[in-house]
Amino acid sequence: MKYVIGNWKSNQNISQSLIWLDGLSALHPKFSPEVTVILCLPFTDIASFNHKISDLNLPIISGSQNVSHLAPGKHTGEITANMLSELVNYCIVGHSERRQEFSETSEIVAQKARLLLESSITPIICLDTPYLDEQIKALFTCDVDVSRCFFVYEPISAIGIGKPIDSVSANHIANQIAFLTDNAAPILYGGSVSSDNAASFVRENCIDGVLVGTDSLEPTLFAGIITSLS
């Protein structure tokens, strides 16, 4: 199985997300049974988005971009894994923007991953060099079952600039992640992914899919990536 995961970040309100779905549906992209398509949305869009993909009969699975590291309780404003459990099947954790802008540590990321698994949500855990050992060690310390996670190698240097690293270099790091996680889970690449380069990453032996940022916001570009892997 190959994976295309879109990450809208802090973009698209409810109305815009529904217009996006209509636009994608009108393009009739080729959805292969060998490619799983996941779209990670802002919290506010998820419920309406789920209804719309059902109405349009689109094979897209919804995900979240974040979750609280706390269990349910007196934590005003937090969105817990339990709250998300009826809305999504996947959730991104450890994205470099969360680590940089919100000072999320590897321990916090591990706590989030553990809580997601307890709510039957698959964590999509973002990693980067030179911290792979520390980031993955924290997962084992927190008793996270890595075989039930996804991992994404997402070099900060390639995010949002239109210039991904080459696929051979990405595969080398993916191989390191596979070794550190006992070859137990899917590994993806993220960072300036487009329809022109997505297939080159997935052709590598250790890369199972791509995490798409900017190009997931435009239906035509996202459809092109789906088609390129199908």
Protein backbone atom coordinates (compact mmCIF):
# COMPACT_ATOMS: atom_id res chain seq x y z
CA MET A 1 0.00 0.00 0.00
CA LYS A 2 1.14 3.55 -0.84
CA TYR A 3 -0.04 6.71 0.93
CA VAL A 4 -0.78 10.32 -0.01
CA ILE A 5 -1.37 12.51 3.04
CA GLY A 6 -2.38 16.14 2.67
CA ASN A 7 -1.74 18.69 5.43
CA TRP A 8 -3.75 21.87 5.08
CA LYS A 9 -2.14 23.48 8.14
CA SER A 10 -4.01 26.64 9.27
CA ASN A 11 -5.85 27.12 6.00
CA GLN A 12 -9.42 26.60 4.75
CA ASN A 13 -12.58 27.35 6.70
CA ILE A 14 -15.61 25.04 6.47
CA SER A 15 -17.02 26.65 3.32
CA GLN A 16 -13.64 26.60 1.60
CA SER A 17 -13.09 22.94 2.48
CA LEU A 18 -16.43 21.98 0.91
CA ILE A 19 -15.66 23.98 -2.24
CA TRP A 20 -12.29 22.18 -2.38
CA LEU A 21 -14.05 18.81 -2.28
CA ASP A 22 -16.41 19.80 -5.09
CA GLY A 23 -13.39 20.90 -7.10
CA LEU A 24 -11.55 17.64 -6.53
CA SER A 25 -14.61 15.56 -7.36
CA ALA A 26 -15.09 17.43 -10.64
CA LEU A 27 -11.55 16.48 -11.70
CA HIS A 28 -12.33 12.74 -11.44
CA PRO A 29 -8.85 11.82 -10.22
CA LYS A 30 -7.76 8.22 -10.58
CA PHE A 31 -7.99 6.64 -7.14
CA SER A 32 -6.08 3.37 -7.15
CA PRO A 33 -6.98 0.69 -4.57
CA GLU A 34 -3.24 0.49 -3.88
CA VAL A 35 -3.10 4.16 -2.78
CA THR A 36 -4.66 5.39 0.47
CA VAL A 37 -5.51 9.12 0.46
CA ILE A 38 -5.66 10.93 3.81
CA LEU A 39 -6.37 14.62 4.33
CA CYS A 40 -5.41 16.23 7.64
CA LEU A 41 -7.70 19.18 8.32
CA PRO A 42 -8.19 21.99 10.83
CA PHE A 43 -10.37 20.84 13.73
CA THR A 44 -13.22 23.11 12.62
CA ASP A 45 -13.55 21.50 9.18
CA ILE A 46 -13.55 17.82 10.05
CA ALA A 47 -17.24 17.06 10.75
CA SER A 48 -18.59 18.88 7.68
CA PHE A 49 -15.82 17.43 5.53
CA ASN A 50 -16.72 13.89 6.62
CA HIS A 51 -20.36 14.38 5.62
CA LYS A 52 -19.33 15.79 2.25
CA ILE A 53 -16.91 13.00 1.30
CA SER A 54 -19.66 10.52 2.12
CA ASP A 55 -22.14 12.39 -0.09
CA LEU A 56 -19.61 12.55 -2.95
CA ASN A 57 -18.49 8.94 -2.39
CA LEU A 58 -14.83 9.96 -2.46
CA PRO A 59 -12.25 7.47 -1.09
CA ILE A 60 -10.59 10.03 1.20
CA ILE A 61 -9.93 9.44 4.89
CA SER A 62 -9.93 12.45 7.20
CA GLY A 63 -7.24 13.17 9.76
CA SER A 64 -6.32 15.83 12.29
CA GLN A 65 -3.19 17.99 12.39
CA ASN A 66 -2.77 17.96 16.14
CA VAL A 67 -4.09 16.61 19.44
CA SER A 68 -3.67 17.43 23.11
CA HIS A 69 -0.96 15.63 25.08
CA LEU A 70 -3.42 15.55 27.99
CA ALA A 71 -6.15 13.08 28.88
CA PRO A 72 -9.76 14.32 29.18
CA GLY A 73 -10.25 16.64 32.13
CA LYS A 74 -10.09 20.26 33.23
CA HIS A 75 -7.98 21.58 30.34
CA THR A 76 -9.89 24.48 28.80
CA GLY A 77 -9.59 24.62 25.03
CA GLU A 78 -7.75 21.33 24.55
CA ILE A 79 -8.85 18.82 21.89
CA THR A 80 -8.22 15.34 23.25
CA ALA A 81 -7.74 12.07 21.41
CA ASN A 82 -11.03 10.85 22.84
CA MET A 83 -12.82 13.83 21.24
CA LEU A 84 -11.23 13.06 17.89
CA SER A 85 -11.96 9.36 18.02
CA GLU A 86 -15.41 9.73 16.42
CA LEU A 87 -14.13 12.06 13.69
CA VAL A 88 -10.78 10.84 12.33
CA ASN A 89 -8.63 7.77 11.80
CA TYR A 90 -5.27 9.55 11.64
CA CYS A 91 -3.52 12.47 13.32
CA ILE A 92 -0.23 14.26 12.63
CA VAL A 93 2.05 14.73 15.64
CA GLY A 94 5.56 16.12 15.97
CA HIS A 95 5.44 18.37 12.91
CA SER A 96 8.46 20.67 12.84
CA GLU A 97 6.18 23.72 13.02
CA ARG A 98 4.72 22.41 16.29
CA ARG A 99 8.17 21.63 17.64
CA GLN A 100 9.54 25.07 16.69
CA GLU A 101 6.58 27.40 17.25
CA PHE A 102 5.04 25.69 20.29
CA SER A 103 8.16 24.17 21.87
CA GLU A 104 6.84 20.62 21.68
CA THR A 105 9.42 18.17 22.95
CA SER A 106 9.90 14.58 21.86
CA GLU A 107 8.35 13.53 25.18
CA ILE A 108 5.19 15.55 24.47
CA VAL A 109 4.99 14.06 20.97
CA ALA A 110 5.31 10.56 22.45
CA GLN A 111 2.51 11.29 24.96
CA LYS A 112 0.28 12.42 22.10
CA ALA A 113 1.05 9.29 20.10
CA ARG A 114 0.25 7.03 23.06
CA LEU A 115 -3.09 8.76 23.71
CA LEU A 116 -4.02 8.56 20.04
CA LEU A 117 -3.37 4.82 19.97
CA GLU A 118 -5.48 4.39 23.09
CA SER A 119 -8.32 6.00 21.12
CA SER A 120 -7.66 3.83 18.03
CA ILE A 121 -6.27 6.73 15.99
CA THR A 122 -3.09 6.17 13.97
CA PRO A 123 -0.37 8.73 14.78
CA ILE A 124 1.51 10.18 11.80
CA ILE A 125 4.80 11.07 13.50
CA CYS A 126 7.08 13.61 11.83
CA LEU A 127 10.84 13.22 12.30
CA ASP A 128 13.97 15.03 11.20
CA THR A 129 17.72 14.71 11.46
CA PRO A 130 19.87 15.01 13.50
CA TYR A 131 17.32 14.09 16.19
CA LEU A 132 16.03 10.74 14.92
CA ASP A 133 17.49 8.70 17.78
CA GLU A 134 16.12 11.02 20.47
CA GLN A 135 12.68 11.36 18.85
CA ILE A 136 12.22 7.62 18.40
CA LYS A 137 13.73 6.71 21.78
CA ALA A 138 11.07 8.90 23.45
CA LEU A 139 8.37 6.77 21.80
CA PHE A 140 9.76 3.55 23.22
CA THR A 141 10.21 5.19 26.63
CA CYS A 142 6.52 6.14 26.57
CA ASP A 143 5.51 2.58 25.57
CA VAL A 144 4.22 3.64 22.15
CA ASP A 145 3.60 0.67 19.85
CA VAL A 146 5.54 1.90 16.82
CA SER A 147 4.07 -0.86 14.65
CA ARG A 148 0.74 0.98 14.82
CA CYS A 149 2.20 4.36 13.76
CA PHE A 150 3.18 6.06 10.51
CA PHE A 151 6.49 7.93 10.29
CA VAL A 152 7.36 10.88 8.06
CA TYR A 153 10.87 12.08 7.30
CA GLU A 154 10.31 15.80 6.88
CA PRO A 155 13.52 17.83 6.60
CA ILE A 156 12.97 21.40 7.79
CA SER A 157 15.22 22.65 4.98
CA ALA A 158 12.73 21.43 2.35
CA ILE A 159 9.41 22.56 3.82
CA GLY A 160 7.48 25.09 1.77
CA ILE A 161 10.32 26.19 -0.50
CA GLY A 162 9.53 24.18 -3.62
CA LYS A 163 12.89 22.37 -3.50
CA PRO A 164 12.72 18.88 -1.99
CA ILE A 165 15.82 16.92 -1.18
CA ASP A 166 16.67 14.22 -3.72
CA SER A 167 14.88 10.90 -3.40
CA VAL A 168 18.05 8.88 -2.81
CA SER A 169 18.98 11.01 0.21
CA ALA A 170 15.42 10.78 1.52
CA ASN A 171 15.50 7.02 1.15
CA HIS A 172 18.75 6.85 3.12
CA ILE A 173 17.11 8.57 6.09
CA ALA A 174 13.96 6.47 5.68
CA ASN A 175 16.18 3.40 5.95
CA GLN A 176 17.57 4.74 9.25
CA ILE A 177 14.02 5.28 10.55
CA ALA A 178 13.09 1.74 9.49
CA PHE A 179 16.08 0.37 11.40
CA LEU A 180 15.28 2.39 14.55
CA THR A 181 11.62 1.32 14.47
CA ASP A 182 12.32 -2.36 13.74
CA ASN A 183 10.95 -2.09 10.19
CA ALA A 184 7.51 -2.10 11.75
CA ALA A 185 5.66 0.82 10.16
CA PRO A 186 5.08 2.76 6.93
CA ILE A 187 7.58 5.57 6.28
CA LEU A 188 6.77 8.62 4.16
CA TYR A 189 8.64 11.65 2.86
CA GLY A 190 7.42 15.23 3.28
CA GLY A 191 8.87 18.54 2.09
CA SER A 192 7.99 20.37 -1.16
CA VAL A 193 6.21 17.33 -2.61
CA SER A 194 4.52 17.89 -5.99
CA SER A 195 3.05 15.87 -8.84
CA ASP A 196 6.41 16.19 -10.60
CA ASN A 197 8.41 14.49 -7.85
CA ALA A 198 6.02 12.39 -5.73
CA ALA A 199 6.50 9.20 -7.73
CA SER A 200 10.31 9.47 -7.52
CA PHE A 201 10.14 9.22 -3.73
CA VAL A 202 7.67 6.34 -3.67
CA ARG A 203 9.83 4.37 -6.13
CA GLU A 204 12.52 4.18 -3.43
CA ASN A 205 12.51 0.93 -1.49
CA CYS A 206 12.06 2.44 2.00
CA ILE A 207 9.48 5.14 1.21
CA ASP A 208 5.80 4.19 1.27
CA GLY A 209 4.21 7.54 0.45
CA VAL A 210 4.30 11.32 0.71
CA LEU A 211 3.09 14.06 3.04
CA VAL A 212 1.95 17.05 0.99
CA GLY A 213 1.67 20.59 2.31
CA THR A 214 1.21 23.51 -0.11
CA ASP A 215 0.09 21.43 -3.09
CA SER A 216 -2.68 19.80 -1.05
CA LEU A 217 -4.51 23.15 -0.93
CA GLU A 218 -5.17 23.21 -4.68
CA PRO A 219 -7.46 20.41 -5.92
CA THR A 220 -5.79 20.22 -9.33
CA LEU A 221 -2.31 19.83 -7.84
CA PHE A 222 -3.43 17.31 -5.23
CA ALA A 223 -5.30 15.29 -7.85
CA GLY A 224 -2.11 15.26 -9.92
CA ILE A 225 -0.17 13.75 -7.03
CA ILE A 226 -2.83 11.08 -6.45
CA THR A 227 -2.80 10.20 -10.14
CA SER A 228 1.00 10.10 -10.31
CA LEU A 229 1.07 7.37 -7.66
CA SER A 230 -1.80 5.42 -9.20
